[in-house]
N, C-alpha and C. Protein backbone atom coordinates (compact mmCIF):
# COMPACT_ATOMS: atom_id res chain seq x y z
N MET A 1 -108.53 97.93 -129.39
CA MET A 1 -109.90 97.48 -129.55
C MET A 1 -110.82 98.37 -128.71
N SER A 2 -111.93 98.79 -129.28
CA SER A 2 -112.85 99.64 -128.54
C SER A 2 -113.59 98.81 -127.49
N GLU A 3 -114.08 99.52 -126.50
CA GLU A 3 -114.80 98.84 -125.43
C GLU A 3 -116.14 98.33 -125.94
N LYS A 4 -116.54 97.18 -125.45
CA LYS A 4 -117.81 96.59 -125.83
C LYS A 4 -118.84 96.85 -124.74
N THR A 5 -120.05 97.10 -125.15
CA THR A 5 -121.15 97.22 -124.20
C THR A 5 -121.70 95.83 -123.93
N LEU A 6 -122.50 95.71 -122.89
CA LEU A 6 -123.17 94.43 -122.63
C LEU A 6 -124.06 94.06 -123.81
N ALA A 7 -124.71 95.05 -124.40
CA ALA A 7 -125.57 94.78 -125.56
C ALA A 7 -124.75 94.21 -126.72
N HIS A 8 -123.57 94.75 -126.93
CA HIS A 8 -122.71 94.24 -128.00
C HIS A 8 -122.26 92.82 -127.70
N ILE A 9 -121.91 92.56 -126.46
CA ILE A 9 -121.49 91.21 -126.06
C ILE A 9 -122.64 90.23 -126.27
N GLN A 10 -123.85 90.61 -125.84
CA GLN A 10 -125.00 89.72 -126.03
C GLN A 10 -125.24 89.45 -127.51
N LYS A 11 -125.11 90.47 -128.35
CA LYS A 11 -125.33 90.28 -129.79
C LYS A 11 -124.24 89.40 -130.38
N GLU A 12 -123.00 89.62 -129.97
CA GLU A 12 -121.89 88.81 -130.47
C GLU A 12 -122.10 87.33 -130.12
N VAL A 13 -122.53 87.06 -128.90
CA VAL A 13 -122.80 85.69 -128.47
C VAL A 13 -123.98 85.13 -129.26
N ASP A 14 -125.02 85.94 -129.45
CA ASP A 14 -126.19 85.48 -130.19
C ASP A 14 -125.83 85.18 -131.65
N ASP A 15 -125.01 86.03 -132.25
CA ASP A 15 -124.56 85.78 -133.63
C ASP A 15 -123.80 84.45 -133.71
N TYR A 16 -122.98 84.19 -132.70
CA TYR A 16 -122.21 82.94 -132.68
C TYR A 16 -123.14 81.73 -132.53
N ILE A 17 -124.01 81.77 -131.53
CA ILE A 17 -124.90 80.64 -131.25
C ILE A 17 -125.89 80.42 -132.39
N SER A 18 -126.34 81.49 -133.01
CA SER A 18 -127.36 81.40 -134.06
C SER A 18 -126.91 80.64 -135.30
N GLN A 19 -125.62 80.45 -135.45
CA GLN A 19 -125.13 79.73 -136.63
C GLN A 19 -125.28 78.21 -136.49
N PHE A 20 -125.69 77.75 -135.31
CA PHE A 20 -125.83 76.32 -135.06
C PHE A 20 -127.30 75.93 -134.94
N LYS A 21 -127.68 74.81 -135.52
CA LYS A 21 -129.06 74.33 -135.47
C LYS A 21 -129.53 74.11 -134.04
N GLU A 22 -128.63 73.68 -133.18
CA GLU A 22 -129.01 73.36 -131.80
C GLU A 22 -129.43 74.60 -131.01
N GLY A 23 -128.89 75.75 -131.33
CA GLY A 23 -129.22 76.99 -130.62
C GLY A 23 -128.77 76.95 -129.17
N TYR A 24 -129.49 77.68 -128.36
CA TYR A 24 -129.14 77.75 -126.94
C TYR A 24 -129.57 76.48 -126.22
N PHE A 25 -128.80 76.12 -125.19
CA PHE A 25 -129.19 75.02 -124.32
C PHE A 25 -130.40 75.46 -123.49
N SER A 26 -131.07 74.52 -122.88
CA SER A 26 -132.21 74.83 -122.01
C SER A 26 -131.71 75.58 -120.77
N PRO A 27 -132.61 76.31 -120.09
CA PRO A 27 -132.19 76.99 -118.87
C PRO A 27 -131.55 76.06 -117.84
N LEU A 28 -132.07 74.86 -117.70
CA LEU A 28 -131.50 73.92 -116.74
C LEU A 28 -130.07 73.53 -117.13
N ALA A 29 -129.87 73.25 -118.42
CA ALA A 29 -128.52 72.89 -118.89
C ALA A 29 -127.58 74.08 -118.75
N LEU A 30 -128.06 75.29 -119.03
CA LEU A 30 -127.22 76.48 -118.87
C LEU A 30 -126.86 76.70 -117.41
N MET A 31 -127.80 76.44 -116.51
CA MET A 31 -127.52 76.57 -115.08
C MET A 31 -126.44 75.58 -114.65
N ALA A 32 -126.54 74.35 -115.15
CA ALA A 32 -125.52 73.35 -114.82
C ALA A 32 -124.16 73.77 -115.36
N ARG A 33 -124.14 74.27 -116.58
CA ARG A 33 -122.87 74.72 -117.17
C ARG A 33 -122.31 75.92 -116.41
N MET A 34 -123.19 76.83 -116.00
CA MET A 34 -122.74 78.00 -115.23
C MET A 34 -122.14 77.55 -113.90
N SER A 35 -122.79 76.60 -113.25
CA SER A 35 -122.27 76.07 -111.98
C SER A 35 -120.90 75.43 -112.19
N GLU A 36 -120.75 74.70 -113.28
CA GLU A 36 -119.47 74.08 -113.59
C GLU A 36 -118.38 75.14 -113.78
N GLU A 37 -118.70 76.20 -114.52
CA GLU A 37 -117.71 77.26 -114.76
C GLU A 37 -117.37 78.01 -113.48
N VAL A 38 -118.36 78.23 -112.62
CA VAL A 38 -118.07 78.90 -111.34
C VAL A 38 -117.16 78.01 -110.49
N GLY A 39 -117.36 76.71 -110.56
CA GLY A 39 -116.46 75.78 -109.87
C GLY A 39 -115.04 75.85 -110.40
N GLU A 40 -114.91 75.98 -111.72
CA GLU A 40 -113.58 76.11 -112.32
C GLU A 40 -112.93 77.43 -111.90
N LEU A 41 -113.73 78.49 -111.81
CA LEU A 41 -113.20 79.77 -111.32
C LEU A 41 -112.72 79.61 -109.87
N ALA A 42 -113.51 78.94 -109.05
CA ALA A 42 -113.14 78.72 -107.65
C ALA A 42 -111.82 77.96 -107.56
N ARG A 43 -111.66 76.98 -108.43
CA ARG A 43 -110.42 76.20 -108.44
C ARG A 43 -109.22 77.09 -108.78
N GLU A 44 -109.39 77.94 -109.78
CA GLU A 44 -108.30 78.85 -110.17
C GLU A 44 -107.98 79.84 -109.05
N ILE A 45 -109.01 80.37 -108.41
CA ILE A 45 -108.80 81.30 -107.29
C ILE A 45 -108.05 80.58 -106.16
N ASN A 46 -108.44 79.34 -105.89
CA ASN A 46 -107.78 78.56 -104.84
C ASN A 46 -106.30 78.32 -105.19
N HIS A 47 -106.02 78.05 -106.46
CA HIS A 47 -104.63 77.83 -106.87
C HIS A 47 -103.82 79.12 -106.78
N PHE A 48 -104.42 80.22 -107.19
CA PHE A 48 -103.67 81.48 -107.27
C PHE A 48 -103.56 82.17 -105.92
N TYR A 49 -104.65 82.18 -105.14
CA TYR A 49 -104.67 82.92 -103.88
C TYR A 49 -104.69 82.02 -102.65
N GLY A 50 -104.99 80.76 -102.84
CA GLY A 50 -105.14 79.87 -101.71
C GLY A 50 -103.91 79.03 -101.43
N GLU A 51 -104.12 78.00 -100.68
CA GLU A 51 -103.02 77.15 -100.23
C GLU A 51 -102.86 75.90 -101.08
N LYS A 52 -103.61 75.78 -102.16
CA LYS A 52 -103.58 74.56 -102.95
C LYS A 52 -102.89 74.82 -104.30
N PRO A 53 -101.62 74.52 -104.41
CA PRO A 53 -100.94 74.74 -105.69
C PRO A 53 -101.41 73.74 -106.75
N LYS A 54 -101.26 74.14 -108.00
CA LYS A 54 -101.62 73.24 -109.10
C LYS A 54 -100.65 72.08 -109.17
N ARG A 55 -101.17 70.96 -109.65
CA ARG A 55 -100.30 69.83 -109.95
C ARG A 55 -99.60 70.13 -111.27
N ALA A 56 -98.49 69.51 -111.49
CA ALA A 56 -97.71 69.76 -112.72
C ALA A 56 -98.50 69.39 -113.97
N ASP A 57 -99.41 68.42 -113.88
CA ASP A 57 -100.15 67.97 -115.06
C ASP A 57 -101.48 68.69 -115.27
N GLU A 58 -101.78 69.71 -114.43
CA GLU A 58 -103.05 70.44 -114.57
C GLU A 58 -102.97 71.47 -115.67
N ALA A 59 -104.10 71.70 -116.35
CA ALA A 59 -104.17 72.68 -117.43
C ALA A 59 -103.83 74.07 -116.92
N ASP A 60 -103.27 74.86 -117.80
CA ASP A 60 -102.86 76.22 -117.46
C ASP A 60 -104.00 77.20 -117.72
N ASN A 61 -105.06 77.10 -116.92
CA ASN A 61 -106.18 78.03 -117.04
C ASN A 61 -105.86 79.29 -116.25
N SER A 62 -106.70 80.29 -116.38
CA SER A 62 -106.48 81.52 -115.63
C SER A 62 -107.80 82.05 -115.12
N VAL A 63 -107.72 82.90 -114.12
CA VAL A 63 -108.91 83.56 -113.59
C VAL A 63 -109.58 84.34 -114.71
N GLU A 64 -108.79 85.02 -115.52
CA GLU A 64 -109.33 85.80 -116.64
C GLU A 64 -110.15 84.93 -117.60
N MET A 65 -109.62 83.79 -117.98
CA MET A 65 -110.33 82.90 -118.91
C MET A 65 -111.59 82.33 -118.27
N GLU A 66 -111.53 81.99 -116.99
CA GLU A 66 -112.72 81.45 -116.32
C GLU A 66 -113.80 82.52 -116.22
N LEU A 67 -113.42 83.77 -115.93
CA LEU A 67 -114.40 84.84 -115.91
C LEU A 67 -114.98 85.07 -117.31
N GLY A 68 -114.13 84.93 -118.33
CA GLY A 68 -114.61 85.04 -119.71
C GLY A 68 -115.62 83.95 -120.04
N ASP A 69 -115.35 82.73 -119.58
CA ASP A 69 -116.30 81.63 -119.79
C ASP A 69 -117.64 81.93 -119.12
N ILE A 70 -117.57 82.49 -117.91
CA ILE A 70 -118.79 82.81 -117.18
C ILE A 70 -119.56 83.92 -117.89
N LEU A 71 -118.85 84.93 -118.40
CA LEU A 71 -119.52 86.01 -119.13
C LEU A 71 -120.20 85.47 -120.38
N PHE A 72 -119.54 84.56 -121.09
CA PHE A 72 -120.14 83.94 -122.27
C PHE A 72 -121.41 83.20 -121.89
N LEU A 73 -121.32 82.37 -120.85
CA LEU A 73 -122.50 81.61 -120.43
C LEU A 73 -123.61 82.51 -119.89
N LEU A 74 -123.24 83.55 -119.17
CA LEU A 74 -124.23 84.50 -118.68
C LEU A 74 -124.96 85.14 -119.86
N SER A 75 -124.23 85.48 -120.91
CA SER A 75 -124.83 86.05 -122.11
C SER A 75 -125.76 85.04 -122.78
N CYS A 76 -125.32 83.78 -122.85
CA CYS A 76 -126.17 82.72 -123.41
C CYS A 76 -127.46 82.60 -122.61
N PHE A 77 -127.32 82.59 -121.29
CA PHE A 77 -128.46 82.44 -120.40
C PHE A 77 -129.45 83.59 -120.62
N ALA A 78 -128.92 84.82 -120.59
CA ALA A 78 -129.78 85.99 -120.77
C ALA A 78 -130.45 85.98 -122.14
N ASN A 79 -129.68 85.69 -123.18
CA ASN A 79 -130.24 85.66 -124.53
C ASN A 79 -131.34 84.62 -124.65
N SER A 80 -131.11 83.45 -124.08
CA SER A 80 -132.08 82.37 -124.20
C SER A 80 -133.41 82.72 -123.53
N LEU A 81 -133.35 83.62 -122.55
CA LEU A 81 -134.55 84.02 -121.81
C LEU A 81 -135.02 85.43 -122.20
N ASN A 82 -134.42 85.99 -123.26
CA ASN A 82 -134.75 87.34 -123.73
C ASN A 82 -134.61 88.40 -122.64
N ILE A 83 -133.49 88.31 -121.91
CA ILE A 83 -133.20 89.28 -120.85
C ILE A 83 -132.09 90.20 -121.34
N ASP A 84 -132.32 91.49 -121.24
CA ASP A 84 -131.33 92.51 -121.58
C ASP A 84 -130.43 92.70 -120.35
N LEU A 85 -129.18 92.32 -120.46
CA LEU A 85 -128.28 92.39 -119.30
C LEU A 85 -128.03 93.83 -118.85
N THR A 86 -128.06 94.77 -119.77
CA THR A 86 -127.88 96.17 -119.38
C THR A 86 -129.04 96.61 -118.50
N GLU A 87 -130.25 96.26 -118.90
CA GLU A 87 -131.43 96.61 -118.10
C GLU A 87 -131.39 95.89 -116.75
N ALA A 88 -131.01 94.62 -116.76
CA ALA A 88 -130.90 93.86 -115.50
C ALA A 88 -129.87 94.52 -114.58
N HIS A 89 -128.75 94.94 -115.15
CA HIS A 89 -127.70 95.61 -114.37
C HIS A 89 -128.23 96.92 -113.79
N ASN A 90 -128.92 97.71 -114.62
CA ASN A 90 -129.48 98.98 -114.14
C ASN A 90 -130.43 98.77 -112.97
N LYS A 91 -131.27 97.75 -113.05
CA LYS A 91 -132.22 97.46 -111.98
C LYS A 91 -131.49 97.06 -110.69
N VAL A 92 -130.45 96.27 -110.84
CA VAL A 92 -129.69 95.84 -109.66
C VAL A 92 -128.95 97.02 -109.03
N MET A 93 -128.36 97.89 -109.87
CA MET A 93 -127.66 99.05 -109.32
C MET A 93 -128.63 99.98 -108.60
N HIS A 94 -129.84 100.13 -109.14
CA HIS A 94 -130.85 100.94 -108.46
C HIS A 94 -131.20 100.31 -107.11
N LYS A 95 -131.33 99.00 -107.10
CA LYS A 95 -131.64 98.30 -105.85
C LYS A 95 -130.55 98.56 -104.81
N PHE A 96 -129.28 98.44 -105.22
CA PHE A 96 -128.19 98.67 -104.27
C PHE A 96 -128.13 100.13 -103.83
N ALA A 97 -128.39 101.04 -104.76
CA ALA A 97 -128.32 102.47 -104.43
C ALA A 97 -129.42 102.89 -103.48
N THR A 98 -130.53 102.20 -103.48
CA THR A 98 -131.63 102.57 -102.59
C THR A 98 -131.65 101.70 -101.34
N ARG A 99 -131.71 100.40 -101.50
CA ARG A 99 -131.82 99.49 -100.36
C ARG A 99 -130.57 99.54 -99.49
N ASP A 100 -129.41 99.59 -100.12
CA ASP A 100 -128.14 99.52 -99.38
C ASP A 100 -127.42 100.86 -99.31
N ALA A 101 -128.14 101.97 -99.49
CA ALA A 101 -127.51 103.28 -99.55
C ALA A 101 -126.66 103.58 -98.31
N ASP A 102 -127.09 103.15 -97.15
CA ASP A 102 -126.36 103.45 -95.92
C ASP A 102 -125.78 102.21 -95.26
N ARG A 103 -125.68 101.14 -96.02
CA ARG A 103 -125.22 99.87 -95.44
C ARG A 103 -123.70 99.84 -95.22
N TRP A 104 -122.95 100.47 -96.10
CA TRP A 104 -121.49 100.41 -96.05
C TRP A 104 -120.92 101.77 -95.70
N THR A 105 -119.71 101.78 -95.15
CA THR A 105 -119.04 103.02 -94.79
C THR A 105 -118.42 103.62 -96.04
N LYS A 106 -118.86 104.82 -96.39
CA LYS A 106 -118.35 105.47 -97.59
C LYS A 106 -117.01 106.13 -97.31
N LYS A 107 -116.19 106.16 -98.35
CA LYS A 107 -114.90 106.84 -98.26
C LYS A 107 -115.14 108.35 -98.20
N ALA A 108 -114.21 109.05 -97.54
CA ALA A 108 -114.31 110.51 -97.50
C ALA A 108 -114.07 111.05 -98.90
N SER A 109 -114.82 112.10 -99.27
CA SER A 109 -114.64 112.68 -100.61
C SER A 109 -113.28 113.35 -100.70
N GLN A 110 -112.73 113.37 -101.89
CA GLN A 110 -111.38 113.89 -102.12
C GLN A 110 -111.43 115.24 -102.84
N ASP A 111 -112.26 116.16 -102.36
CA ASP A 111 -112.42 117.46 -103.02
C ASP A 111 -111.19 118.29 -102.95
């Protein structure tokens, strides 16, 4: 499968959501759902990397699936507010490249 761009992911999500009369949830509802999914990711991270093993009757979720859920919801959120995630990403990377240019210790170049 070829790699998908953020624009393709946003369009794929929009095509999916657009087939339903209800459309996108409100920003507040999307925020609540995003918080719920981040909590589920935290639970999976705690089970996999932390000291809290899963109970035998717990669903077999994965970090990968929880991140996928978050990406889907992030795309819904951005689409509902007409935000281009690629442009948002570019702005954030510019911010980090300028504001935080000397904040972290860079690795030695491997020339």
